[in-house]
């Protein structure tokens, strides 16, 4: 691919490889649009579902369900609170995390990939960016951890790649 052509923003499987491997349509990148990591603030929707479940259970108790169902209402509200509290608004997406990691790296970056992980009981989003040096073959690799909320680098590790 020429350097002036835009790079694809998704994983692409050649059609003949997908057909030979019998890849289902819902997994073929040629069929679907580019994949985007969903924002973690969608957890708050689940929290609203639990609030509705608590309200429905409360109505049921008023209409004659056993009083012990109040424990279920409390459980629903506790789960709703957790979902609301852990529903971070992911501000740094994968492309931005890759750029931040590239600026932070101690070497010129070649291939890199980003994976979203979660840290702590509130599940704070953290991007783990695995990077390889741009030389061929790569002589260094590194891991840069980027906070999904602030874009700050929260940790990094670099090592030399031993030749085999």
Foldseek 3Di string as FASTA:
>chain_A
DDPVDDDDQADADPPVRCVVVVPDLVPHPVNDDHDWDDWLLCLLVVLVVLQVVLVVLVVVVVVPDDPVCVVVSVVSNVSSVLSNQLSDGQPQTFVNLVVLVCVVDPARWDDKGWDWFFDDPSGFTKIWMWTFHNDVPTQKIKIWIAGRRPRDTPDMDMDTDDDD
